[in-house]
Amino acid sequence: MKRRAAEQRGRAAETLAAIYLRLLGWRILARRARVRGGEVDIIARRRRTIAFIEVKARSSDEAAAMSLDEWRLRRVVVAAERLAPRYLCDGDELRIDAIFVVPGRLPRHLANVWQG
């Protein structure tokens, strides 16, 4: 039962993050894009930037930041590398972002969280 509740919270956080991104001028290209070796919660475009975004819903910013470790980020990077040819055009910038969703606050969008 806990797993199902966590899954529902995660989906709700991803929906909130997608709405927030749209309000900031991003176009959502895909949600929950899966490939062998990883998954990307949201793929979004704004002008010449394609962002592969990991969404974390936690009770605090600190808890969200702690949940985004190198292992999880590496899975997003692997998925982004495999998915990029579907979405990138010549001249586009690719980056890995994160969005923290915390109750009672606007989502917090962190750009370029992977510098590998």
N, C-alpha and C. Protein backbone atom coordinates (compact mmCIF):
# COMPACT_ATOMS: atom_id res chain seq x y z
N MET A 1 0.82 -1.20 0.00
CA MET A 1 0.00 0.00 0.00
C MET A 1 0.86 1.27 0.00
N LYS A 2 1.96 1.24 0.74
CA LYS A 2 2.84 2.41 0.78
C LYS A 2 3.40 2.71 -0.60
N ARG A 3 3.75 1.67 -1.34
CA ARG A 3 4.31 1.85 -2.68
C ARG A 3 3.31 2.54 -3.60
N ARG A 4 2.06 2.14 -3.51
CA ARG A 4 1.02 2.73 -4.35
C ARG A 4 0.80 4.21 -3.99
N ALA A 5 0.82 4.52 -2.70
CA ALA A 5 0.66 5.91 -2.27
C ALA A 5 1.83 6.76 -2.75
N ALA A 6 3.03 6.20 -2.66
CA ALA A 6 4.21 6.94 -3.12
C ALA A 6 4.14 7.17 -4.63
N GLU A 7 3.67 6.17 -5.36
CA GLU A 7 3.51 6.30 -6.81
C GLU A 7 2.50 7.41 -7.14
N GLN A 8 1.41 7.46 -6.42
CA GLN A 8 0.40 8.50 -6.66
C GLN A 8 0.94 9.89 -6.32
N ARG A 9 1.70 10.00 -5.24
CA ARG A 9 2.32 11.29 -4.88
C ARG A 9 3.30 11.73 -5.96
N GLY A 10 4.07 10.76 -6.46
CA GLY A 10 5.03 11.08 -7.51
C GLY A 10 4.35 11.56 -8.78
N ARG A 11 3.28 10.90 -9.19
CA ARG A 11 2.55 11.32 -10.39
C ARG A 11 1.93 12.70 -10.20
N ALA A 12 1.39 12.96 -9.02
CA ALA A 12 0.80 14.27 -8.74
C ALA A 12 1.88 15.35 -8.78
N ALA A 13 3.06 15.06 -8.24
CA ALA A 13 4.17 16.02 -8.27
C ALA A 13 4.61 16.29 -9.70
N GLU A 14 4.66 15.25 -10.52
CA GLU A 14 5.04 15.42 -11.92
C GLU A 14 4.02 16.27 -12.67
N THR A 15 2.75 16.08 -12.37
CA THR A 15 1.70 16.90 -13.00
C THR A 15 1.85 18.36 -12.58
N LEU A 16 2.07 18.59 -11.30
CA LEU A 16 2.27 19.96 -10.81
C LEU A 16 3.51 20.59 -11.45
N ALA A 17 4.58 19.82 -11.55
CA ALA A 17 5.81 20.33 -12.17
C ALA A 17 5.57 20.67 -13.64
N ALA A 18 4.82 19.84 -14.35
CA ALA A 18 4.53 20.10 -15.77
C ALA A 18 3.71 21.38 -15.92
N ILE A 19 2.73 21.56 -15.07
CA ILE A 19 1.92 22.79 -15.12
C ILE A 19 2.80 24.01 -14.85
N TYR A 20 3.65 23.90 -13.84
CA TYR A 20 4.55 24.99 -13.49
C TYR A 20 5.47 25.34 -14.67
N LEU A 21 6.03 24.32 -15.31
CA LEU A 21 6.89 24.56 -16.46
C LEU A 21 6.13 25.25 -17.59
N ARG A 22 4.91 24.82 -17.85
CA ARG A 22 4.10 25.46 -18.90
C ARG A 22 3.89 26.94 -18.61
N LEU A 23 3.64 27.25 -17.34
CA LEU A 23 3.45 28.65 -16.95
C LEU A 23 4.72 29.48 -17.18
N LEU A 24 5.86 28.83 -17.15
CA LEU A 24 7.14 29.51 -17.38
C LEU A 24 7.55 29.51 -18.85
N GLY A 25 6.68 29.02 -19.71
CA GLY A 25 6.95 29.07 -21.14
C GLY A 25 7.56 27.81 -21.74
N TRP A 26 7.63 26.74 -20.98
CA TRP A 26 8.15 25.47 -21.49
C TRP A 26 7.04 24.70 -22.18
N ARG A 27 7.41 23.93 -23.20
CA ARG A 27 6.47 23.02 -23.86
C ARG A 27 6.85 21.60 -23.43
N ILE A 28 5.88 20.87 -22.92
CA ILE A 28 6.14 19.51 -22.45
C ILE A 28 6.13 18.58 -23.67
N LEU A 29 7.25 17.90 -23.87
CA LEU A 29 7.40 16.99 -25.00
C LEU A 29 7.05 15.55 -24.62
N ALA A 30 7.35 15.18 -23.37
CA ALA A 30 7.07 13.82 -22.92
C ALA A 30 7.06 13.78 -21.40
N ARG A 31 6.33 12.80 -20.89
CA ARG A 31 6.33 12.54 -19.45
C ARG A 31 6.58 11.05 -19.25
N ARG A 32 7.35 10.76 -18.23
CA ARG A 32 7.69 9.37 -17.89
C ARG A 32 8.25 8.61 -19.08
N ALA A 33 9.21 9.20 -19.73
CA ALA A 33 9.85 8.57 -20.88
C ALA A 33 10.83 7.51 -20.38
N ARG A 34 10.59 6.28 -20.76
CA ARG A 34 11.41 5.16 -20.30
C ARG A 34 12.22 4.55 -21.44
N VAL A 35 13.43 4.22 -21.10
CA VAL A 35 14.30 3.45 -21.99
C VAL A 35 15.06 2.47 -21.11
N ARG A 36 15.70 1.50 -21.75
CA ARG A 36 16.49 0.56 -20.97
C ARG A 36 17.58 1.34 -20.24
N GLY A 37 17.63 1.18 -18.94
CA GLY A 37 18.67 1.82 -18.14
C GLY A 37 18.24 3.09 -17.42
N GLY A 38 17.01 3.58 -17.69
CA GLY A 38 16.59 4.78 -16.98
C GLY A 38 15.26 5.32 -17.41
N GLU A 39 14.88 6.38 -16.76
CA GLU A 39 13.61 7.05 -17.02
C GLU A 39 13.79 8.54 -16.79
N VAL A 40 13.05 9.32 -17.57
CA VAL A 40 13.04 10.77 -17.38
C VAL A 40 11.60 11.15 -17.06
N ASP A 41 11.41 11.89 -15.96
CA ASP A 41 10.06 12.26 -15.55
C ASP A 41 9.39 13.20 -16.55
N ILE A 42 10.13 14.23 -16.97
CA ILE A 42 9.58 15.21 -17.91
C ILE A 42 10.67 15.60 -18.91
N ILE A 43 10.29 15.68 -20.17
CA ILE A 43 11.16 16.25 -21.20
C ILE A 43 10.45 17.50 -21.69
N ALA A 44 11.14 18.63 -21.64
CA ALA A 44 10.51 19.91 -21.99
C ALA A 44 11.44 20.73 -22.87
N ARG A 45 10.82 21.61 -23.66
CA ARG A 45 11.56 22.51 -24.55
C ARG A 45 11.13 23.94 -24.28
N ARG A 46 12.12 24.82 -24.26
CA ARG A 46 11.88 26.27 -24.29
C ARG A 46 12.93 26.86 -25.20
N ARG A 47 12.44 27.42 -26.30
CA ARG A 47 13.31 27.93 -27.36
C ARG A 47 14.28 26.84 -27.81
N ARG A 48 15.58 27.05 -27.66
CA ARG A 48 16.59 26.10 -28.16
C ARG A 48 17.13 25.19 -27.04
N THR A 49 16.42 25.12 -25.92
CA THR A 49 16.86 24.29 -24.81
C THR A 49 15.91 23.11 -24.61
N ILE A 50 16.49 21.92 -24.55
CA ILE A 50 15.74 20.71 -24.21
C ILE A 50 16.19 20.31 -22.82
N ALA A 51 15.26 20.21 -21.88
CA ALA A 51 15.58 19.82 -20.51
C ALA A 51 14.99 18.45 -20.21
N PHE A 52 15.83 17.58 -19.69
CA PHE A 52 15.43 16.27 -19.19
C PHE A 52 15.35 16.44 -17.67
N ILE A 53 14.14 16.33 -17.14
CA ILE A 53 13.87 16.80 -15.78
C ILE A 53 13.48 15.66 -14.84
N GLU A 54 14.17 15.60 -13.72
CA GLU A 54 13.85 14.66 -12.64
C GLU A 54 13.02 15.43 -11.61
N VAL A 55 11.86 14.89 -11.23
CA VAL A 55 10.98 15.53 -10.27
C VAL A 55 11.06 14.77 -8.96
N LYS A 56 11.25 15.50 -7.86
CA LYS A 56 11.31 14.91 -6.54
C LYS A 56 10.29 15.58 -5.63
N ALA A 57 9.39 14.78 -5.08
CA ALA A 57 8.39 15.29 -4.12
C ALA A 57 8.80 14.80 -2.74
N ARG A 58 9.03 15.73 -1.86
CA ARG A 58 9.42 15.40 -0.50
C ARG A 58 8.79 16.42 0.46
N SER A 59 8.96 16.18 1.74
CA SER A 59 8.35 17.05 2.76
C SER A 59 9.10 18.36 2.94
N SER A 60 10.36 18.44 2.49
CA SER A 60 11.14 19.67 2.62
C SER A 60 12.13 19.76 1.46
N ASP A 61 12.66 20.96 1.23
CA ASP A 61 13.69 21.15 0.20
C ASP A 61 14.91 20.30 0.51
N GLU A 62 15.27 20.22 1.79
CA GLU A 62 16.44 19.44 2.18
C GLU A 62 16.24 17.96 1.87
N ALA A 63 15.06 17.45 2.18
CA ALA A 63 14.77 16.04 1.90
C ALA A 63 14.77 15.78 0.40
N ALA A 64 14.25 16.71 -0.38
CA ALA A 64 14.24 16.56 -1.84
C ALA A 64 15.67 16.55 -2.37
N ALA A 65 16.48 17.47 -1.89
CA ALA A 65 17.87 17.54 -2.34
C ALA A 65 18.63 16.27 -1.98
N MET A 66 18.38 15.72 -0.82
CA MET A 66 19.05 14.49 -0.40
C MET A 66 18.61 13.29 -1.24
N SER A 67 17.40 13.34 -1.78
CA SER A 67 16.89 12.22 -2.56
C SER A 67 17.45 12.20 -3.98
N LEU A 68 18.10 13.26 -4.37
CA LEU A 68 18.65 13.36 -5.72
C LEU A 68 20.15 13.09 -5.68
N ASP A 69 20.49 11.82 -5.57
CA ASP A 69 21.90 11.45 -5.46
C ASP A 69 22.51 11.16 -6.83
N GLU A 70 23.80 10.90 -6.85
CA GLU A 70 24.50 10.68 -8.11
C GLU A 70 23.96 9.46 -8.86
N TRP A 71 23.61 8.40 -8.14
CA TRP A 71 23.09 7.19 -8.78
C TRP A 71 21.80 7.50 -9.55
N ARG A 72 20.86 8.22 -8.92
CA ARG A 72 19.60 8.56 -9.58
C ARG A 72 19.83 9.50 -10.76
N LEU A 73 20.71 10.47 -10.56
CA LEU A 73 21.02 11.39 -11.66
C LEU A 73 21.66 10.67 -12.83
N ARG A 74 22.51 9.71 -12.55
CA ARG A 74 23.16 8.97 -13.62
C ARG A 74 22.14 8.20 -14.46
N ARG A 75 21.09 7.67 -13.82
CA ARG A 75 20.02 6.98 -14.55
C ARG A 75 19.29 7.95 -15.48
N VAL A 76 19.08 9.18 -15.02
CA VAL A 76 18.44 10.20 -15.86
C VAL A 76 19.36 10.54 -17.03
N VAL A 77 20.66 10.66 -16.76
CA VAL A 77 21.62 10.97 -17.82
C VAL A 77 21.64 9.87 -18.88
N VAL A 78 21.64 8.62 -18.45
CA VAL A 78 21.63 7.50 -19.41
C VAL A 78 20.36 7.57 -20.26
N ALA A 79 19.22 7.79 -19.61
CA ALA A 79 17.97 7.88 -20.36
C ALA A 79 18.00 9.08 -21.31
N ALA A 80 18.51 10.21 -20.85
CA ALA A 80 18.57 11.41 -21.69
C ALA A 80 19.45 11.17 -22.92
N GLU A 81 20.57 10.50 -22.72
CA GLU A 81 21.45 10.21 -23.86
C GLU A 81 20.74 9.34 -24.90
N ARG A 82 19.96 8.39 -24.42
CA ARG A 82 19.25 7.50 -25.34
C ARG A 82 18.03 8.14 -25.98
N LEU A 83 17.42 9.08 -25.28
CA LEU A 83 16.22 9.75 -25.78
C LEU A 83 16.53 11.00 -26.62
N ALA A 84 17.69 11.58 -26.42
CA ALA A 84 18.04 12.85 -27.06
C ALA A 84 17.82 12.86 -28.57
N PRO A 85 18.21 11.83 -29.31
CA PRO A 85 18.02 11.88 -30.76
C PRO A 85 16.56 12.07 -31.19
N ARG A 86 15.63 11.68 -30.36
CA ARG A 86 14.20 11.85 -30.68
C ARG A 86 13.76 13.31 -30.57
N TYR A 87 14.45 14.10 -29.75
CA TYR A 87 13.96 15.43 -29.42
C TYR A 87 14.88 16.57 -29.84
N LEU A 88 16.16 16.32 -29.95
CA LEU A 88 17.11 17.39 -30.26
C LEU A 88 17.10 17.75 -31.74
N CYS A 89 17.23 19.04 -31.99
CA CYS A 89 17.43 19.57 -33.34
C CYS A 89 18.81 20.21 -33.36
N ASP A 90 19.34 20.44 -34.56
CA ASP A 90 20.64 21.10 -34.67
C ASP A 90 20.60 22.43 -33.93
N GLY A 91 21.63 22.66 -33.12
CA GLY A 91 21.74 23.92 -32.40
C GLY A 91 21.07 23.93 -31.04
N ASP A 92 20.38 22.85 -30.67
CA ASP A 92 19.73 22.80 -29.36
C ASP A 92 20.75 22.55 -28.25
N GLU A 93 20.44 23.08 -27.09
CA GLU A 93 21.21 22.82 -25.89
C GLU A 93 20.47 21.76 -25.09
N LEU A 94 21.19 20.76 -24.60
CA LEU A 94 20.61 19.72 -23.77
C LEU A 94 21.09 19.92 -22.35
N ARG A 95 20.18 19.78 -21.40
CA ARG A 95 20.60 19.86 -20.01
C ARG A 95 19.74 18.94 -19.14
N ILE A 96 20.27 18.63 -17.96
CA ILE A 96 19.57 17.81 -16.98
C ILE A 96 19.17 18.75 -15.85
N ASP A 97 17.87 18.81 -15.58
CA ASP A 97 17.33 19.68 -14.53
C ASP A 97 16.65 18.84 -13.46
N ALA A 98 16.30 19.49 -12.37
CA ALA A 98 15.51 18.87 -11.32
C ALA A 98 14.43 19.86 -10.88
N ILE A 99 13.32 19.33 -10.46
CA ILE A 99 12.27 20.15 -9.86
C ILE A 99 11.90 19.51 -8.53
N PHE A 100 11.98 20.31 -7.46
CA PHE A 100 11.58 19.85 -6.13
C PHE A 100 10.17 20.34 -5.85
N VAL A 101 9.31 19.42 -5.47
CA VAL A 101 7.93 19.74 -5.12
C VAL A 101 7.78 19.50 -3.62
N VAL A 102 7.49 20.58 -2.90
CA VAL A 102 7.36 20.56 -1.45
C VAL A 102 6.00 21.14 -1.09
N PRO A 103 5.26 20.51 -0.17
CA PRO A 103 3.93 21.02 0.18
C PRO A 103 3.95 22.49 0.60
N GLY A 104 2.96 23.24 0.12
CA GLY A 104 2.80 24.63 0.52
C GLY A 104 3.73 25.62 -0.15
N ARG A 105 4.50 25.16 -1.15
CA ARG A 105 5.44 26.05 -1.83
C ARG A 105 5.35 25.84 -3.33
N LEU A 106 5.77 26.85 -4.07
CA LEU A 106 5.88 26.68 -5.51
C LEU A 106 6.99 25.67 -5.81
N PRO A 107 6.89 24.93 -6.90
CA PRO A 107 7.98 24.03 -7.26
C PRO A 107 9.28 24.81 -7.44
N ARG A 108 10.38 24.17 -7.11
CA ARG A 108 11.70 24.80 -7.24
C ARG A 108 12.44 24.12 -8.39
N HIS A 109 12.73 24.89 -9.43
CA HIS A 109 13.36 24.38 -10.66
C HIS A 109 14.85 24.67 -10.60
N LEU A 110 15.66 23.62 -10.62
CA LEU A 110 17.11 23.76 -10.64
C LEU A 110 17.62 23.34 -11.99
N ALA A 111 18.27 24.25 -12.69
CA ALA A 111 18.80 23.98 -14.03
C ALA A 111 20.21 23.41 -13.93
N ASN A 112 20.55 22.55 -14.91
CA ASN A 112 21.90 22.00 -15.03
C ASN A 112 22.41 21.34 -13.74
N VAL A 113 21.66 20.37 -13.24
CA VAL A 113 22.09 19.71 -12.01
C VAL A 113 23.15 18.64 -12.27
N TRP A 114 23.36 18.29 -13.53
CA TRP A 114 24.40 17.30 -13.88
C TRP A 114 25.50 17.99 -14.66
N GLN A 115 26.69 17.95 -14.16
CA GLN A 115 27.82 18.56 -14.84
C GLN A 115 28.87 17.52 -15.21
N GLY A 116 28.42 16.28 -15.46
CA GLY A 116 29.33 15.17 -15.74
C GLY A 116 29.88 15.25 -17.07
